[in-house]
N, C-alpha and C. Protein backbone atom coordinates (compact mmCIF):
# COMPACT_ATOMS: atom_id res chain seq x y z
N MET A 1 110.86 110.06 107.44
CA MET A 1 111.67 109.63 106.69
C MET A 1 111.78 111.45 106.23
N THR A 2 113.62 112.09 106.34
CA THR A 2 114.05 113.45 105.45
C THR A 2 114.54 112.56 104.10
N THR A 3 114.46 113.69 102.89
CA THR A 3 115.43 113.17 102.17
C THR A 3 116.91 112.78 101.95
N ASP A 4 116.76 113.38 103.00
CA ASP A 4 118.13 112.63 103.47
C ASP A 4 118.42 111.07 103.15
N GLU A 5 117.50 110.67 103.18
CA GLU A 5 116.88 108.91 103.98
C GLU A 5 116.35 108.74 102.56
N ARG A 6 116.27 107.29 102.65
CA ARG A 6 115.12 106.59 101.16
C ARG A 6 115.48 104.60 101.71
N VAL A 7 114.58 103.99 101.35
CA VAL A 7 113.96 103.21 101.58
C VAL A 7 113.82 102.16 100.68
N LEU A 8 114.66 101.37 100.46
CA LEU A 8 114.93 100.68 99.20
C LEU A 8 115.41 98.83 99.47
N ARG A 9 114.30 98.27 98.72
CA ARG A 9 114.82 97.08 98.31
C ARG A 9 116.51 97.21 97.93
N GLU A 10 117.50 95.67 99.00
CA GLU A 10 118.42 95.18 98.18
C GLU A 10 118.60 95.34 96.83
N ASP A 11 116.80 94.94 96.13
CA ASP A 11 117.53 94.30 94.71
C ASP A 11 117.47 95.68 93.78
N ASP A 12 117.20 96.35 93.70
CA ASP A 12 116.94 97.14 93.72
C ASP A 12 117.91 98.30 93.21
N PRO A 13 118.12 98.62 91.53
CA PRO A 13 119.64 98.95 90.68
C PRO A 13 120.24 100.72 92.04
N GLN A 14 119.00 101.11 91.77
CA GLN A 14 119.05 102.23 92.96
C GLN A 14 120.55 102.45 94.10
N THR A 15 119.19 101.06 94.75
CA THR A 15 120.67 100.85 95.90
C THR A 15 122.14 100.60 95.97
N VAL A 16 121.87 99.86 95.01
CA VAL A 16 123.58 99.96 94.46
C VAL A 16 124.09 100.70 93.41
N ARG A 17 122.64 102.05 92.80
CA ARG A 17 123.90 103.66 92.62
C ARG A 17 124.47 103.97 94.00
N LEU A 18 123.29 104.03 95.34
CA LEU A 18 123.50 105.53 96.03
C LEU A 18 124.47 104.50 97.27
N LEU A 19 124.88 103.14 97.17
CA LEU A 19 125.97 102.83 98.56
C LEU A 19 127.60 103.24 97.13
N ALA A 20 127.37 102.74 96.04
CA ALA A 20 128.32 103.44 95.56
C ALA A 20 128.70 105.10 95.62
N ASP A 21 128.00 106.14 95.81
CA ASP A 21 127.75 107.21 95.22
C ASP A 21 127.81 108.12 97.74
N GLY A 22 127.97 106.16 98.43
CA GLY A 22 128.61 106.61 99.26
C GLY A 22 127.89 106.65 100.79
N TRP A 23 125.85 106.53 100.24
CA TRP A 23 125.39 106.42 101.02
C TRP A 23 125.91 105.50 102.27
N VAL A 24 124.93 105.39 103.01
CA VAL A 24 125.84 104.33 103.89
C VAL A 24 123.96 103.57 104.66
N VAL A 25 124.01 102.32 105.02
CA VAL A 25 122.78 101.64 105.73
C VAL A 25 122.83 101.57 106.66
N VAL A 26 121.68 102.16 107.61
CA VAL A 26 121.30 103.01 108.96
C VAL A 26 119.92 101.86 109.52
N HIS A 27 119.64 101.39 108.78
CA HIS A 27 118.60 100.40 109.10
C HIS A 27 118.34 99.18 108.05
N GLU A 28 118.00 97.83 108.52
CA GLU A 28 116.96 96.88 107.56
C GLU A 28 116.10 96.26 107.93
N SER A 29 115.25 95.88 107.27
CA SER A 29 114.78 95.21 107.56
C SER A 29 113.88 93.96 106.53
N TRP A 30 113.00 93.40 106.53
CA TRP A 30 112.53 92.17 106.63
C TRP A 30 111.04 91.50 105.96
N GLY A 31 110.45 91.48 104.84
CA GLY A 31 109.83 91.35 104.58
C GLY A 31 109.23 89.71 104.51
N ALA A 32 108.03 88.59 104.38
CA ALA A 32 108.48 87.87 103.71
C ALA A 32 106.57 87.66 103.43
N ARG A 33 106.54 85.96 103.01
CA ARG A 33 105.22 85.83 102.27
C ARG A 33 104.49 84.54 102.31
N LEU A 34 103.40 83.72 102.89
CA LEU A 34 104.04 82.06 102.92
C LEU A 34 102.10 82.08 102.04
N THR A 35 102.23 81.03 100.72
CA THR A 35 101.38 80.83 100.66
C THR A 35 101.51 79.24 100.70
N VAL A 36 99.89 78.68 101.04
CA VAL A 36 99.14 77.72 101.82
C VAL A 36 99.80 76.65 100.35
N PRO A 37 100.43 75.45 101.08
CA PRO A 37 101.03 74.67 99.88
C PRO A 37 99.92 73.81 99.80
N GLU A 38 100.08 73.16 98.38
CA GLU A 38 98.49 72.11 97.79
C GLU A 38 98.48 71.42 98.80
N ASP A 39 99.77 70.68 99.01
CA ASP A 39 98.74 69.39 99.73
C ASP A 39 99.36 70.03 101.03
N SER A 40 98.43 70.95 101.97
CA SER A 40 98.57 71.03 103.65
C SER A 40 98.61 70.98 104.61
N GLY A 41 98.19 69.53 104.50
CA GLY A 41 98.10 68.55 105.73
C GLY A 41 99.08 68.58 106.28
N GLU A 42 100.74 68.22 106.15
CA GLU A 42 101.24 68.14 106.89
C GLU A 42 101.55 69.50 107.78
N TRP A 43 101.87 70.52 106.81
CA TRP A 43 102.06 72.56 107.21
C TRP A 43 100.88 72.06 107.84
N GLY A 44 99.53 71.92 108.06
CA GLY A 44 98.36 72.32 108.83
C GLY A 44 98.84 71.93 110.27
N THR A 45 98.72 69.88 109.91
CA THR A 45 99.48 69.67 111.29
C THR A 45 100.79 69.92 112.19
N ARG A 46 101.03 70.92 111.68
CA ARG A 46 102.56 72.28 112.06
C ARG A 46 102.04 72.54 112.65
N LEU A 47 101.25 74.14 112.72
CA LEU A 47 100.65 74.61 112.73
C LEU A 47 99.78 74.77 113.91
N GLU A 48 98.43 73.51 113.38
CA GLU A 48 97.88 72.72 114.96
C GLU A 48 98.52 73.01 115.91
N ALA A 49 99.74 71.74 115.94
CA ALA A 49 100.46 72.12 116.88
C ALA A 49 100.75 72.76 118.13
N CYS A 50 101.47 74.12 117.56
CA CYS A 50 101.99 75.74 117.65
C CYS A 50 100.95 76.23 118.65
N VAL A 51 99.58 76.11 118.02
CA VAL A 51 98.21 76.24 118.67
C VAL A 51 98.04 74.92 119.89
N ASP A 52 97.88 73.99 119.98
CA ASP A 52 97.24 73.04 120.97
C ASP A 52 98.27 73.66 122.58
N ALA A 53 100.28 74.07 121.90
CA ALA A 53 101.21 73.62 122.94
C ALA A 53 101.14 74.21 124.25
N VAL A 54 100.39 75.66 123.18
CA VAL A 54 99.42 76.70 123.31
C VAL A 54 98.23 76.73 125.16
N ARG A 55 97.47 76.47 124.33
CA ARG A 55 96.61 76.35 125.36
C ARG A 55 97.19 74.99 126.37
N LYS A 56 97.77 73.90 126.10
CA LYS A 56 98.01 72.87 126.78
C LYS A 56 98.49 73.90 128.48
N GLN A 57 99.03 74.66 127.94
CA GLN A 57 99.46 75.66 129.25
C GLN A 57 98.29 76.76 129.89
N GLY A 58 97.33 76.54 129.28
CA GLY A 58 96.24 77.20 129.69
C GLY A 58 95.79 78.76 128.96
N TRP A 59 96.60 78.90 127.85
CA TRP A 59 95.73 80.11 127.64
C TRP A 59 94.31 79.73 126.21
N THR A 60 93.33 80.59 126.34
CA THR A 60 93.22 80.99 124.48
C THR A 60 92.67 80.67 124.15
N VAL A 61 92.83 80.48 122.76
CA VAL A 61 93.53 80.81 121.67
C VAL A 61 92.74 81.45 120.59
N SER A 62 91.98 82.66 120.41
CA SER A 62 90.37 82.65 119.36
C SER A 62 90.52 83.84 118.44
N ARG A 63 89.51 84.04 117.70
CA ARG A 63 89.49 85.06 116.96
C ARG A 63 89.05 85.91 117.58
N LEU A 64 89.62 87.64 117.81
CA LEU A 64 88.48 88.75 118.27
C LEU A 64 87.94 89.65 117.47
N GLY A 65 87.33 90.10 118.73
CA GLY A 65 86.27 91.43 117.01
C GLY A 65 86.97 92.98 117.38
N GLU A 66 85.65 93.46 117.86
CA GLU A 66 85.81 94.28 117.61
C GLU A 66 85.61 95.19 118.79
N ARG A 67 85.21 94.23 119.99
CA ARG A 67 84.43 94.39 121.09
C ARG A 67 85.79 94.61 121.50
N ASP A 68 87.07 94.19 121.25
CA ASP A 68 88.21 93.78 122.13
C ASP A 68 89.24 94.70 121.51
N ALA A 69 88.86 95.44 121.23
CA ALA A 69 89.44 96.58 121.04
C ALA A 69 90.31 97.29 121.60
N ARG A 70 89.81 97.69 122.95
CA ARG A 70 90.38 98.00 124.22
C ARG A 70 91.59 97.05 124.41
N SER A 71 91.54 96.15 124.72
CA SER A 71 92.48 94.86 125.37
C SER A 71 93.61 95.17 123.91
N ILE A 72 92.95 95.29 123.53
CA ILE A 72 93.75 94.79 122.01
C ILE A 72 94.78 96.05 122.52
N VAL A 73 94.28 97.63 122.75
CA VAL A 73 95.46 99.15 122.20
C VAL A 73 96.04 98.97 123.71
N ASP A 74 95.69 98.38 124.27
CA ASP A 74 96.42 98.48 126.85
C ASP A 74 97.63 97.65 125.43
N LEU A 75 96.61 96.08 125.61
CA LEU A 75 97.75 95.47 124.96
C LEU A 75 99.45 96.03 124.60
N ASP A 76 99.28 96.50 123.22
CA ASP A 76 99.58 97.18 122.48
C ASP A 76 100.59 98.24 123.68
N GLY A 77 99.91 99.21 123.69
CA GLY A 77 100.45 100.74 124.31
C GLY A 77 101.51 100.65 125.31
N ALA A 78 100.62 98.75 126.27
CA ALA A 78 102.06 98.43 127.20
C ALA A 78 102.90 98.17 126.49
N SER A 79 103.40 97.73 125.70
CA SER A 79 104.74 96.87 124.52
C SER A 79 105.04 97.72 123.48
N ILE A 80 105.09 98.61 123.77
CA ILE A 80 105.07 100.49 122.69
C ILE A 80 107.11 100.26 123.13
N ALA A 81 107.08 100.60 124.10
CA ALA A 81 109.08 101.25 123.76
C ALA A 81 109.85 99.79 123.72
N ASP A 82 108.50 98.53 123.40
CA ASP A 82 110.04 96.92 123.52
C ASP A 82 109.64 96.72 121.85
N TYR A 83 109.36 97.85 120.65
CA TYR A 83 109.24 97.50 119.35
C TYR A 83 111.29 97.78 119.23
N PRO A 84 111.34 96.50 118.35
CA PRO A 84 113.11 97.18 117.80
C PRO A 84 112.86 98.70 117.30
N ASP A 85 114.29 99.04 117.14
CA ASP A 85 113.60 100.38 116.24
C ASP A 85 114.14 99.48 114.99
N GLY A 86 113.51 99.55 113.47
CA GLY A 86 114.27 98.81 112.55
C GLY A 86 113.55 100.25 111.26
N GLY A 87 114.27 101.47 111.90
CA GLY A 87 113.33 103.35 110.95
C GLY A 87 112.12 102.97 110.21
N PRO A 88 112.06 104.05 109.45
CA PRO A 88 111.25 104.07 108.56
C PRO A 88 110.05 102.32 108.09
N ALA A 89 110.65 101.81 107.57
CA ALA A 89 110.03 100.90 107.43
C ALA A 89 109.24 99.95 108.25
N THR A 90 109.96 100.61 109.70
CA THR A 90 109.30 98.79 110.17
C THR A 90 108.20 100.07 111.67
N SER A 91 108.17 101.02 110.69
CA SER A 91 108.00 102.00 112.84
C SER A 91 106.40 101.64 112.81
N HIS A 92 106.05 101.57 113.69
CA HIS A 92 104.33 101.81 114.20
C HIS A 92 104.08 102.29 115.53
N ALA A 93 102.76 102.60 115.35
CA ALA A 93 102.42 103.45 116.13
C ALA A 93 101.31 102.82 117.13
N VAL A 94 100.85 102.73 118.19
CA VAL A 94 99.30 102.07 118.98
C VAL A 94 98.70 102.93 118.44
N PRO A 95 97.62 101.59 117.91
CA PRO A 95 96.49 102.46 117.08
C PRO A 95 95.55 102.94 118.32
N ASP A 96 94.34 103.87 117.89
CA ASP A 96 93.57 104.69 118.33
C ASP A 96 92.12 103.29 119.02
N GLU A 97 91.69 103.59 119.76
CA GLU A 97 90.90 102.77 119.62
C GLU A 97 89.21 102.59 118.95
N PRO A 98 88.92 103.50 118.63
CA PRO A 98 88.26 104.07 117.56
C PRO A 98 88.00 103.59 116.26
N THR A 99 89.75 104.21 116.05
CA THR A 99 89.46 104.05 114.59
C THR A 99 89.92 102.34 114.27
N LEU A 100 90.85 101.95 116.23
CA LEU A 100 90.50 99.48 115.62
C LEU A 100 89.62 99.66 115.47
N ARG A 101 88.76 99.87 116.37
CA ARG A 101 87.16 99.02 117.05
C ARG A 101 86.37 99.29 115.02
N ARG A 102 86.62 100.63 114.41
CA ARG A 102 86.56 100.50 113.09
C ARG A 102 86.52 99.66 112.05
N ARG A 103 87.71 99.72 112.05
CA ARG A 103 88.33 98.77 111.26
C ARG A 103 88.34 97.18 111.41
N LEU A 104 87.88 96.90 112.95
CA LEU A 104 88.00 95.80 113.01
C LEU A 104 86.20 94.41 113.31
N ALA A 105 85.64 95.76 112.93
CA ALA A 105 84.56 95.64 112.53
C ALA A 105 83.85 95.52 111.10
N GLY A 106 84.91 96.14 110.23
CA GLY A 106 84.84 95.74 108.57
C GLY A 106 86.35 95.11 108.30
N GLU A 107 87.31 95.29 107.63
CA GLU A 107 87.95 94.27 107.09
C GLU A 107 88.56 93.99 107.58
N TRP A 108 89.22 94.36 108.65
CA TRP A 108 90.66 93.64 109.56
C TRP A 108 90.27 93.03 110.02
N HIS A 109 91.60 91.49 110.51
CA HIS A 109 91.11 90.52 111.43
C HIS A 109 92.40 90.60 112.59
N ALA A 110 91.59 90.90 114.09
CA ALA A 110 92.49 90.50 115.32
C ALA A 110 92.43 89.16 115.87
N TYR A 111 93.52 88.63 116.08
CA TYR A 111 93.15 87.18 116.88
C TYR A 111 94.43 87.05 117.84
N GLY A 112 94.08 86.04 119.09
CA GLY A 112 94.92 86.66 120.38
C GLY A 112 94.75 85.01 121.43
N ALA A 113 95.44 84.92 122.25
CA ALA A 113 95.86 84.55 123.22
C ALA A 113 95.36 85.01 124.89
N ARG A 114 94.48 84.82 125.90
CA ARG A 114 93.87 85.34 126.43
C ARG A 114 93.81 83.72 127.38
N THR A 115 93.84 84.19 129.48
CA THR A 115 94.49 83.29 130.50
C THR A 115 92.81 83.07 130.21
N PRO A 116 91.91 82.42 131.29
CA PRO A 116 91.12 82.10 132.32
C PRO A 116 90.40 82.90 132.37
N ASP A 117 91.11 83.96 132.84
CA ASP A 117 90.51 85.05 133.44
C ASP A 117 90.10 86.21 132.55
N GLY A 118 90.61 85.95 131.29
CA GLY A 118 90.29 87.22 130.02
C GLY A 118 91.70 87.36 130.11
N ARG A 119 92.75 87.90 130.48
CA ARG A 119 93.95 88.74 130.04
C ARG A 119 93.42 88.60 128.69
N LEU A 120 94.40 89.17 128.15
CA LEU A 120 94.84 89.33 126.88
C LEU A 120 96.12 89.29 126.89
N ASP A 121 96.85 88.08 126.25
CA ASP A 121 98.60 88.65 126.24
C ASP A 121 98.86 88.35 125.90
N CYS A 122 98.14 88.09 123.89
CA CYS A 122 99.16 88.12 123.13
C CYS A 122 98.10 88.12 121.41
N VAL A 123 98.18 89.29 120.25
CA VAL A 123 97.39 89.05 119.97
C VAL A 123 98.57 89.48 118.71
N THR A 124 97.44 89.75 117.76
CA THR A 124 98.06 89.69 116.65
C THR A 124 96.52 89.86 115.67
N VAL A 125 97.38 91.27 114.67
CA VAL A 125 96.19 91.88 113.50
C VAL A 125 96.94 91.89 111.91
N MET A 126 95.42 91.83 111.72
CA MET A 126 95.76 91.69 110.20
C MET A 126 94.74 92.49 109.10
N ARG A 127 95.84 93.33 107.96
CA ARG A 127 95.11 93.99 106.96
C ARG A 127 94.81 93.10 105.72
N PRO A 128 93.82 93.35 104.84
CA PRO A 128 94.07 92.61 104.00
C PRO A 128 94.66 93.55 102.24
N GLU A 129 95.36 92.68 101.53
CA GLU A 129 96.50 93.41 100.72
C GLU A 129 95.37 92.70 99.36
N GLU A 130 96.12 94.21 98.45
CA GLU A 130 94.91 93.46 96.86
C GLU A 130 95.34 90.97 97.05
N ASP A 131 96.74 90.80 96.92
CA ASP A 131 96.96 90.11 96.73
C ASP A 131 97.13 89.37 98.08
N ARG A 132 97.40 88.79 99.04
CA ARG A 132 97.25 88.92 100.52
C ARG A 132 96.57 88.96 101.36
N VAL A 133 96.77 88.74 102.50
CA VAL A 133 96.52 88.99 104.04
C VAL A 133 97.51 89.72 104.88
N GLU A 134 98.07 90.85 105.17
CA GLU A 134 99.14 91.18 105.21
C GLU A 134 98.98 91.16 107.06
N THR A 135 100.01 91.33 107.76
CA THR A 135 99.97 91.49 109.41
C THR A 135 100.23 93.00 109.70
N GLU A 136 99.83 93.52 110.12
CA GLU A 136 99.38 95.20 110.49
C GLU A 136 100.55 95.41 111.64
N PHE A 137 100.29 94.13 112.85
CA PHE A 137 101.65 93.86 113.95
C PHE A 137 101.31 92.40 115.30
N THR A 138 101.70 92.33 115.72
CA THR A 138 101.74 91.44 116.53
C THR A 138 102.46 91.69 118.03
N VAL A 139 101.73 91.16 118.94
CA VAL A 139 102.34 92.05 120.03
C VAL A 139 102.23 91.16 121.21
N THR A 140 103.08 90.67 122.69
CA THR A 140 102.95 89.68 123.56
C THR A 140 103.59 90.13 125.30
N ARG A 141 103.02 90.50 125.44
CA ARG A 141 103.14 90.61 126.88
C ARG A 141 104.37 90.52 127.32
N ALA A 142 105.14 91.26 127.64
CA ALA A 142 106.22 90.54 127.85
C ALA A 142 106.74 89.43 129.52
N ARG A 143 106.10 89.86 129.94
CA ARG A 143 106.70 88.22 131.18
C ARG A 143 105.81 87.02 130.33
N TYR A 144 105.64 87.38 128.78
CA TYR A 144 105.31 85.59 128.76
C TYR A 144 105.64 85.44 127.53
N ARG A 145 107.05 86.65 126.92
CA ARG A 145 107.54 86.14 126.15
C ARG A 145 108.21 84.94 125.91
N GLY A 146 108.99 83.95 124.42
CA GLY A 146 109.06 83.30 125.05
C GLY A 146 108.16 82.18 125.30
N GLN A 147 107.36 81.88 125.39
CA GLN A 147 106.56 80.69 125.11
C GLN A 147 106.02 79.96 124.66
N GLY A 148 105.59 80.79 123.25
CA GLY A 148 105.23 80.22 121.57
C GLY A 148 103.61 80.91 122.10
N LEU A 149 103.60 82.23 122.32
CA LEU A 149 102.36 82.33 122.54
C LEU A 149 102.27 83.13 120.90
N ALA A 150 103.08 84.01 120.52
CA ALA A 150 102.46 84.62 119.22
C ALA A 150 102.71 84.12 117.63
N THR A 151 103.21 82.30 118.08
CA THR A 151 103.55 81.74 117.50
C THR A 151 102.37 81.13 117.02
N ALA A 152 101.43 80.42 117.63
CA ALA A 152 99.91 79.73 118.83
C ALA A 152 99.38 81.23 117.41
N VAL A 153 99.71 81.94 117.91
CA VAL A 153 98.22 83.04 117.93
C VAL A 153 98.70 83.33 116.03
N LYS A 154 100.06 82.91 115.87
CA LYS A 154 99.53 83.13 113.90
C LYS A 154 99.56 82.49 113.00
N ALA A 155 99.48 81.36 113.73
CA ALA A 155 99.06 79.81 113.17
C ALA A 155 97.48 79.97 113.28
N TYR A 156 96.83 80.36 114.14
CA TYR A 156 95.81 80.28 114.20
C TYR A 156 94.75 80.93 113.68
N ALA A 157 95.37 82.11 113.32
CA ALA A 157 94.95 83.26 112.14
C ALA A 157 95.69 82.72 110.73
N ILE A 158 95.74 82.11 110.45
CA ILE A 158 96.56 81.61 109.34
C ILE A 158 95.28 80.63 108.66
N LEU A 159 94.85 79.75 109.00
CA LEU A 159 95.30 78.79 110.09
C LEU A 159 92.88 78.85 109.63
N ASP A 160 92.90 80.30 110.50
CA ASP A 160 91.42 80.84 109.94
C ASP A 160 91.40 81.58 108.74
N GLN A 161 92.42 82.25 108.20
CA GLN A 161 92.08 82.23 107.11
C GLN A 161 92.23 81.36 105.74
N GLN A 162 93.39 80.87 106.43
CA GLN A 162 92.83 79.62 105.31
C GLN A 162 91.71 79.29 104.56
N ARG A 163 91.15 78.64 105.81
CA ARG A 163 88.80 78.49 105.63
C ARG A 163 88.37 79.36 105.00
N GLN A 164 88.83 80.56 105.16
CA GLN A 164 87.85 81.34 104.42
C GLN A 164 88.30 81.62 103.52
N GLY A 165 89.49 80.73 102.93
CA GLY A 165 89.75 81.33 101.36
C GLY A 165 91.46 81.91 101.01
N THR A 166 91.27 82.35 101.74
CA THR A 166 92.97 82.80 101.94
C THR A 166 94.48 81.86 101.13
N ARG A 167 94.51 82.53 100.78
CA ARG A 167 96.04 80.98 100.24
C ARG A 167 96.95 82.19 100.88
N SER A 168 97.27 83.37 100.68
CA SER A 168 98.92 83.96 100.68
C SER A 168 98.71 85.18 101.74
N PHE A 169 99.64 85.35 102.65
CA PHE A 169 99.88 86.14 103.21
C PHE A 169 101.41 86.48 103.45
N GLY A 170 101.11 88.44 104.08
CA GLY A 170 102.40 88.59 104.15
C GLY A 170 102.45 88.81 105.52
N THR A 171 104.55 89.36 105.81
CA THR A 171 104.55 89.62 107.29
C THR A 171 105.49 90.71 106.84
N GLY A 172 106.64 91.06 108.11
CA GLY A 172 107.13 91.89 108.19
C GLY A 172 107.98 92.21 109.30
N GLY A 173 109.58 93.16 109.04
CA GLY A 173 109.51 92.82 110.22
C GLY A 173 111.54 93.51 110.37
N SER A 174 112.04 94.43 111.27
CA SER A 174 113.30 95.02 111.93
C SER A 174 113.89 93.56 112.06
N ALA A 175 115.01 94.54 110.74
CA ALA A 175 116.26 93.12 111.06
C ALA A 175 116.50 92.41 112.47
N VAL A 176 117.43 93.86 113.02
CA VAL A 176 116.74 92.75 115.13
C VAL A 176 116.22 92.00 115.94
N ASN A 177 115.59 92.14 115.21
CA ASN A 177 113.93 91.50 115.32
C ASN A 177 114.16 89.91 115.34
N GLU A 178 115.49 89.59 115.80
CA GLU A 178 115.81 87.93 115.55
C GLU A 178 114.69 86.80 115.75
N ALA A 179 113.30 87.12 116.98
CA ALA A 179 112.87 86.47 117.72
C ALA A 179 112.30 86.51 116.33
N SER A 180 111.21 87.44 116.61
CA SER A 180 110.05 87.32 115.02
C SER A 180 110.42 86.87 114.14
N LEU A 181 111.67 87.25 113.22
CA LEU A 181 111.57 86.35 112.35
C LEU A 181 111.52 84.92 112.19
N ARG A 182 112.29 84.43 113.22
CA ARG A 182 111.71 82.45 113.31
C ARG A 182 110.69 82.36 113.45
N ILE A 183 109.69 83.20 114.31
CA ILE A 183 108.18 82.47 114.80
C ILE A 183 108.06 82.70 112.33
N ASN A 184 108.26 83.16 112.58
CA ASN A 184 107.32 82.99 111.24
C ASN A 184 108.00 82.12 110.22
N GLU A 185 109.58 82.05 110.44
CA GLU A 185 109.41 80.96 109.60
C GLU A 185 109.04 79.53 110.15
N VAL A 186 109.51 79.13 111.25
CA VAL A 186 108.39 78.24 111.84
C VAL A 186 107.26 78.68 110.94
N LEU A 187 106.33 78.61 110.95
CA LEU A 187 105.17 79.21 110.44
C LEU A 187 104.64 78.88 108.31
N GLY A 188 105.54 79.53 108.26
CA GLY A 188 106.57 78.91 106.92
C GLY A 188 106.53 79.59 105.58
N TYR A 189 106.82 80.50 106.23
CA TYR A 189 107.20 82.33 105.56
C TYR A 189 107.98 81.64 105.16
N VAL A 190 108.67 82.64 103.59
CA VAL A 190 109.49 82.54 103.24
C VAL A 190 110.52 84.02 102.71
N LEU A 191 111.53 84.82 103.19
CA LEU A 191 112.01 85.43 103.45
C LEU A 191 112.40 86.36 101.90
N GLU A 192 111.71 87.77 101.65
CA GLU A 192 112.20 88.06 100.02
C GLU A 192 113.09 88.70 100.62
N PRO A 193 113.40 89.74 99.98
CA PRO A 193 114.96 90.46 99.70
C PRO A 193 115.00 91.78 100.80
N ARG A 194 115.68 92.00 101.49
CA ARG A 194 115.90 93.01 102.97
C ARG A 194 115.32 94.27 101.90
N TRP A 195 114.89 95.52 103.64
CA TRP A 195 114.42 96.46 102.69
C TRP A 195 115.63 97.18 103.54
N LEU A 196 116.06 98.37 102.63
CA LEU A 196 117.31 98.68 103.36
C LEU A 196 116.85 100.63 103.92
N THR A 197 116.95 101.28 104.98
CA THR A 197 116.99 102.47 105.13
C THR A 197 118.67 103.19 104.09
N LEU A 198 118.81 104.34 103.69
CA LEU A 198 119.40 104.74 103.42
C LEU A 198 119.68 105.84 103.47
N ARG A 199 121.40 106.25 104.21
CA ARG A 199 121.14 107.79 104.30
C ARG A 199 122.91 108.73 104.00
N ARG A 200 122.29 109.94 103.53
CA ARG A 200 123.14 110.24 102.21
C ARG A 200 124.51 109.88 103.42
N PRO A 201 125.66 110.41 102.76
CA PRO A 201 127.27 111.22 103.60
C PRO A 201 127.01 112.19 104.03
């Protein structure tokens, strides 16, 4: 991002001033938070149903580990051209395998959907923040998008983290990625004010 660009929330007073000065919005992105309901029975049942729907199609949904770093990197690399351009707020680079392996051996978490022969078709990677567990990235193999894999994998991840005591989650993405937005709304994420990339006129 250059000095001619700023990334600000839409409710930031600076945003209002810059727009009044003629700056233009060139990218929009969204963030969302999920807080596990106090009475989580119905919510949990809904997420379990998302996982079961994918298992009935033949995939295994489970937690991944450092040994899976190569498969995660390969899947992400095969899909990198499909990431929507959301500007600097949502830029994504394929992680290098050694770094990802170290992080998964540490505090990061990964979950995925595999075929019976072991091919990884969807993955979500999460990292801990001070007040929540945040989604680092989620990716599905192109030929299997639209079949509920990302919804199921994220649902499984959230339920697993909940069992370990996590109650707050964060995620986000480019405004042009409507599919990702809808997936997260199904899981119970609530949108926050948008992030805007503003460019000097």
